[in-house]
């Protein structure tokens, strides 16, 4: 994916941070590793099913410090309610797999 970003004149990819359709214990790291490796920002988008709104918030240029950047990302999503609440991962957990 990094190579595809580097070869493209223009490209946007949407990757949900939980990365799966079933409950996971931690957020997946692929979205972060792709953005950091390709040197592209992460645009924080959301669909809030409780409020019936969606949008794109701020963009984040990765620092290379995954834990620090993930705190910023998780703070953005703290007030967002997904469609399947029973599949949420622990948003306070900082570990990843």
N, C-alpha and C. Protein backbone atom coordinates (compact mmCIF):
# COMPACT_ATOMS: atom_id res chain seq x y z
N UNK A 1 0.82 -1.18 0.00
CA UNK A 1 0.00 0.00 0.00
C UNK A 1 0.87 1.25 0.00
N UNK A 2 1.97 1.21 0.73
CA UNK A 2 2.88 2.36 0.75
C UNK A 2 3.42 2.63 -0.65
N UNK A 3 3.80 1.58 -1.35
CA UNK A 3 4.29 1.72 -2.72
C UNK A 3 3.24 2.31 -3.65
N UNK A 4 2.00 1.91 -3.48
CA UNK A 4 0.92 2.45 -4.30
C UNK A 4 0.74 3.93 -4.03
N UNK A 5 0.79 4.34 -2.76
CA UNK A 5 0.72 5.77 -2.43
C UNK A 5 1.88 6.52 -3.08
N UNK A 6 3.07 5.99 -2.97
CA UNK A 6 4.25 6.67 -3.51
C UNK A 6 4.21 6.79 -5.03
N UNK A 7 3.56 5.85 -5.71
CA UNK A 7 3.50 5.88 -7.17
C UNK A 7 2.34 6.71 -7.70
N UNK A 8 1.37 7.04 -6.87
CA UNK A 8 0.16 7.74 -7.33
C UNK A 8 0.32 9.24 -7.26
N UNK A 9 -0.27 9.92 -8.23
CA UNK A 9 -0.33 11.38 -8.18
C UNK A 9 -1.34 11.86 -7.16
N UNK A 10 -2.42 11.11 -7.03
CA UNK A 10 -3.48 11.44 -6.10
C UNK A 10 -4.16 10.15 -5.67
N UNK A 11 -4.36 9.98 -4.36
CA UNK A 11 -4.97 8.75 -3.86
C UNK A 11 -5.55 9.00 -2.48
N UNK A 12 -6.73 8.48 -2.25
CA UNK A 12 -7.35 8.51 -0.93
C UNK A 12 -7.83 7.10 -0.63
N UNK A 13 -7.58 6.63 0.58
CA UNK A 13 -7.97 5.30 1.00
C UNK A 13 -8.69 5.42 2.34
N UNK A 14 -9.81 4.73 2.49
CA UNK A 14 -10.53 4.72 3.76
C UNK A 14 -10.29 3.38 4.45
N UNK A 15 -9.73 3.44 5.65
CA UNK A 15 -9.45 2.23 6.43
C UNK A 15 -9.97 2.45 7.84
N UNK A 16 -10.94 1.65 8.27
CA UNK A 16 -11.40 1.80 9.65
C UNK A 16 -10.32 1.31 10.62
N UNK A 17 -10.07 2.04 11.69
CA UNK A 17 -8.98 1.66 12.59
C UNK A 17 -9.17 0.32 13.28
N UNK A 18 -10.42 -0.11 13.47
CA UNK A 18 -10.61 -1.41 14.09
C UNK A 18 -10.42 -2.52 13.07
N UNK A 19 -10.55 -2.22 11.80
CA UNK A 19 -10.13 -3.09 10.73
C UNK A 19 -10.83 -4.42 10.56
N UNK A 20 -11.98 -4.62 11.16
CA UNK A 20 -12.64 -5.91 11.07
C UNK A 20 -14.13 -5.75 11.29
N UNK A 21 -14.88 -6.78 10.97
CA UNK A 21 -16.32 -6.74 11.20
C UNK A 21 -16.72 -7.42 12.50
N UNK A 22 -15.76 -7.91 13.24
CA UNK A 22 -16.06 -8.55 14.52
C UNK A 22 -15.29 -7.83 15.62
N UNK A 23 -15.65 -8.07 16.87
CA UNK A 23 -15.00 -7.40 17.99
C UNK A 23 -13.52 -7.77 18.05
N UNK A 24 -12.72 -6.76 18.29
CA UNK A 24 -11.29 -6.96 18.49
C UNK A 24 -10.90 -6.38 19.83
N UNK A 25 -9.84 -6.87 20.38
CA UNK A 25 -9.39 -6.36 21.68
C UNK A 25 -8.71 -5.00 21.54
N UNK A 26 -7.95 -4.83 20.46
CA UNK A 26 -7.20 -3.59 20.24
C UNK A 26 -7.40 -3.11 18.81
N UNK A 27 -7.15 -1.83 18.60
CA UNK A 27 -7.19 -1.31 17.24
C UNK A 27 -6.04 -1.89 16.45
N UNK A 28 -6.27 -2.15 15.18
CA UNK A 28 -5.23 -2.63 14.29
C UNK A 28 -4.29 -1.46 13.98
N UNK A 29 -3.05 -1.75 13.61
CA UNK A 29 -2.06 -0.70 13.37
C UNK A 29 -1.82 -0.41 11.90
N UNK A 30 -2.42 -1.18 11.00
CA UNK A 30 -2.14 -1.03 9.57
C UNK A 30 -2.41 0.37 9.05
N UNK A 31 -3.52 0.97 9.43
CA UNK A 31 -3.85 2.32 8.95
C UNK A 31 -2.75 3.31 9.31
N UNK A 32 -2.20 3.16 10.52
CA UNK A 32 -1.14 4.06 10.99
C UNK A 32 0.16 3.79 10.24
N UNK A 33 0.52 2.53 10.12
CA UNK A 33 1.77 2.17 9.46
C UNK A 33 1.78 2.57 7.99
N UNK A 34 0.65 2.44 7.32
CA UNK A 34 0.56 2.87 5.92
C UNK A 34 0.75 4.38 5.83
N UNK A 35 0.02 5.13 6.64
CA UNK A 35 0.12 6.60 6.58
C UNK A 35 1.53 7.06 6.91
N UNK A 36 2.11 6.51 7.95
CA UNK A 36 3.46 6.93 8.34
C UNK A 36 4.49 6.54 7.28
N UNK A 37 4.40 5.32 6.80
CA UNK A 37 5.36 4.85 5.79
C UNK A 37 5.27 5.61 4.48
N UNK A 38 4.06 6.02 4.10
CA UNK A 38 3.87 6.75 2.85
C UNK A 38 4.03 8.26 3.02
N UNK A 39 4.12 8.71 4.28
CA UNK A 39 4.25 10.14 4.54
C UNK A 39 3.00 10.92 4.20
N UNK A 40 1.84 10.30 4.41
CA UNK A 40 0.57 10.98 4.12
C UNK A 40 -0.19 11.17 5.43
N UNK A 41 -1.03 12.20 5.49
CA UNK A 41 -1.79 12.43 6.72
C UNK A 41 -2.92 11.43 6.89
N UNK A 42 -3.35 11.28 8.12
CA UNK A 42 -4.55 10.51 8.44
C UNK A 42 -5.67 11.52 8.63
N UNK A 43 -6.71 11.40 7.82
CA UNK A 43 -7.91 12.24 7.99
C UNK A 43 -8.88 11.47 8.86
N UNK A 44 -9.25 12.04 9.97
CA UNK A 44 -10.12 11.36 10.92
C UNK A 44 -11.58 11.55 10.53
N UNK A 45 -12.15 10.50 9.97
CA UNK A 45 -13.55 10.52 9.54
C UNK A 45 -14.40 9.71 10.50
N UNK A 46 -15.69 9.95 10.49
CA UNK A 46 -16.56 9.24 11.43
C UNK A 46 -17.98 9.14 10.91
N UNK A 47 -18.68 8.13 11.39
CA UNK A 47 -20.12 7.99 11.26
C UNK A 47 -20.64 7.77 12.67
N UNK A 48 -21.39 8.72 13.17
CA UNK A 48 -21.94 8.61 14.52
C UNK A 48 -23.40 8.19 14.39
N UNK A 49 -23.66 6.93 14.67
CA UNK A 49 -25.01 6.39 14.49
C UNK A 49 -26.00 6.92 15.53
N UNK A 50 -25.53 7.26 16.71
CA UNK A 50 -26.43 7.79 17.73
C UNK A 50 -26.95 9.17 17.36
N UNK A 51 -26.05 10.02 16.87
CA UNK A 51 -26.44 11.38 16.50
C UNK A 51 -26.88 11.49 15.04
N UNK A 52 -26.71 10.42 14.26
CA UNK A 52 -27.07 10.38 12.83
C UNK A 52 -26.31 11.45 12.04
N UNK A 53 -25.01 11.54 12.29
CA UNK A 53 -24.16 12.47 11.56
C UNK A 53 -22.86 11.76 11.16
N UNK A 54 -22.21 12.30 10.19
CA UNK A 54 -20.91 11.79 9.77
C UNK A 54 -20.08 12.96 9.28
N UNK A 55 -18.81 12.72 9.14
CA UNK A 55 -17.97 13.79 8.64
C UNK A 55 -16.50 13.44 8.70
N UNK A 56 -15.72 14.41 8.34
CA UNK A 56 -14.27 14.29 8.41
C UNK A 56 -13.78 15.41 9.31
N UNK A 57 -13.02 15.04 10.31
CA UNK A 57 -12.50 16.01 11.26
C UNK A 57 -11.11 16.46 10.86
N UNK A 58 -10.26 16.59 11.83
CA UNK A 58 -8.92 17.07 11.57
C UNK A 58 -8.06 15.99 10.91
N UNK A 59 -6.94 16.43 10.38
CA UNK A 59 -5.96 15.50 9.83
C UNK A 59 -4.77 15.44 10.77
N UNK A 60 -4.13 14.30 10.77
CA UNK A 60 -2.99 14.08 11.66
C UNK A 60 -1.79 13.64 10.83
N UNK A 61 -0.70 14.36 10.96
CA UNK A 61 0.56 13.92 10.39
C UNK A 61 1.22 13.06 11.45
N UNK A 62 1.51 11.81 11.12
CA UNK A 62 2.07 10.90 12.11
C UNK A 62 3.47 11.34 12.54
N UNK A 63 3.75 11.13 13.82
CA UNK A 63 5.04 11.52 14.37
C UNK A 63 6.03 10.35 14.40
N UNK A 64 5.51 9.14 14.26
CA UNK A 64 6.34 7.95 14.43
C UNK A 64 6.21 7.38 15.83
N UNK A 65 5.64 8.14 16.74
CA UNK A 65 5.37 7.67 18.10
C UNK A 65 3.92 7.20 18.12
N UNK A 66 3.73 5.93 17.86
CA UNK A 66 2.38 5.37 17.71
C UNK A 66 1.52 5.64 18.94
N UNK A 67 2.03 5.39 20.12
CA UNK A 67 1.23 5.56 21.34
C UNK A 67 0.77 7.00 21.51
N UNK A 68 1.66 7.96 21.26
CA UNK A 68 1.29 9.38 21.39
C UNK A 68 0.26 9.77 20.34
N UNK A 69 0.45 9.34 19.11
CA UNK A 69 -0.49 9.66 18.05
C UNK A 69 -1.83 8.98 18.28
N UNK A 70 -1.81 7.76 18.79
CA UNK A 70 -3.05 7.04 19.05
C UNK A 70 -3.87 7.72 20.14
N UNK A 71 -3.23 8.35 21.10
CA UNK A 71 -3.97 9.11 22.12
C UNK A 71 -4.76 10.24 21.47
N UNK A 72 -4.17 10.90 20.49
CA UNK A 72 -4.84 11.99 19.78
C UNK A 72 -6.02 11.44 18.98
N UNK A 73 -5.79 10.33 18.29
CA UNK A 73 -6.84 9.72 17.47
C UNK A 73 -7.99 9.25 18.34
N UNK A 74 -7.69 8.56 19.42
CA UNK A 74 -8.74 8.05 20.30
C UNK A 74 -9.51 9.18 20.97
N UNK A 75 -8.86 10.28 21.28
CA UNK A 75 -9.56 11.43 21.86
C UNK A 75 -10.58 11.98 20.87
N UNK A 76 -10.23 11.99 19.59
CA UNK A 76 -11.15 12.46 18.56
C UNK A 76 -12.41 11.58 18.52
N UNK A 77 -12.23 10.28 18.64
CA UNK A 77 -13.35 9.35 18.54
C UNK A 77 -14.08 9.11 19.86
N UNK A 78 -13.65 9.71 20.93
CA UNK A 78 -14.23 9.46 22.25
C UNK A 78 -15.73 9.71 22.29
N UNK A 79 -16.25 10.67 21.58
CA UNK A 79 -17.67 10.98 21.62
C UNK A 79 -18.47 10.39 20.48
N UNK A 80 -17.86 9.54 19.67
CA UNK A 80 -18.53 8.97 18.51
C UNK A 80 -19.10 7.59 18.86
N UNK A 81 -20.36 7.37 18.49
CA UNK A 81 -21.02 6.09 18.75
C UNK A 81 -21.19 5.32 17.45
N UNK A 82 -20.60 4.14 17.38
CA UNK A 82 -20.71 3.30 16.20
C UNK A 82 -22.02 2.56 16.13
N UNK A 83 -22.25 1.89 15.03
CA UNK A 83 -23.50 1.18 14.82
C UNK A 83 -23.63 -0.03 15.73
N UNK A 84 -22.55 -0.78 15.91
CA UNK A 84 -22.61 -2.01 16.70
C UNK A 84 -21.81 -1.83 17.98
N UNK A 85 -22.46 -1.33 19.02
CA UNK A 85 -21.79 -1.02 20.27
C UNK A 85 -21.14 -2.24 20.91
N UNK A 86 -21.71 -3.42 20.70
CA UNK A 86 -21.15 -4.64 21.29
C UNK A 86 -19.84 -5.07 20.64
N UNK A 87 -19.46 -4.42 19.55
CA UNK A 87 -18.21 -4.77 18.88
C UNK A 87 -17.10 -3.75 19.12
N UNK A 88 -17.34 -2.78 19.98
CA UNK A 88 -16.31 -1.78 20.27
C UNK A 88 -15.11 -2.45 20.92
N UNK A 89 -13.94 -1.97 20.55
CA UNK A 89 -12.74 -2.39 21.28
C UNK A 89 -12.59 -1.46 22.48
N UNK A 90 -11.70 -1.78 23.35
CA UNK A 90 -11.44 -0.94 24.53
C UNK A 90 -10.73 0.31 24.05
N UNK A 91 -11.44 1.41 23.98
CA UNK A 91 -10.85 2.65 23.45
C UNK A 91 -9.80 3.23 24.38
N UNK A 92 -9.80 2.81 25.64
CA UNK A 92 -8.80 3.31 26.56
C UNK A 92 -7.51 2.49 26.51
N UNK A 93 -7.58 1.33 25.91
CA UNK A 93 -6.42 0.45 25.85
C UNK A 93 -5.42 0.99 24.84
N UNK A 94 -4.17 1.03 25.19
CA UNK A 94 -3.14 1.58 24.31
C UNK A 94 -2.36 0.49 23.60
N UNK A 95 -2.52 -0.74 23.97
CA UNK A 95 -1.79 -1.82 23.31
C UNK A 95 -2.39 -2.06 21.93
N UNK A 96 -1.65 -2.74 21.10
CA UNK A 96 -2.15 -3.09 19.76
C UNK A 96 -1.67 -4.48 19.43
N UNK A 97 -2.26 -5.05 18.37
CA UNK A 97 -1.78 -6.35 17.94
C UNK A 97 -1.30 -6.30 16.53
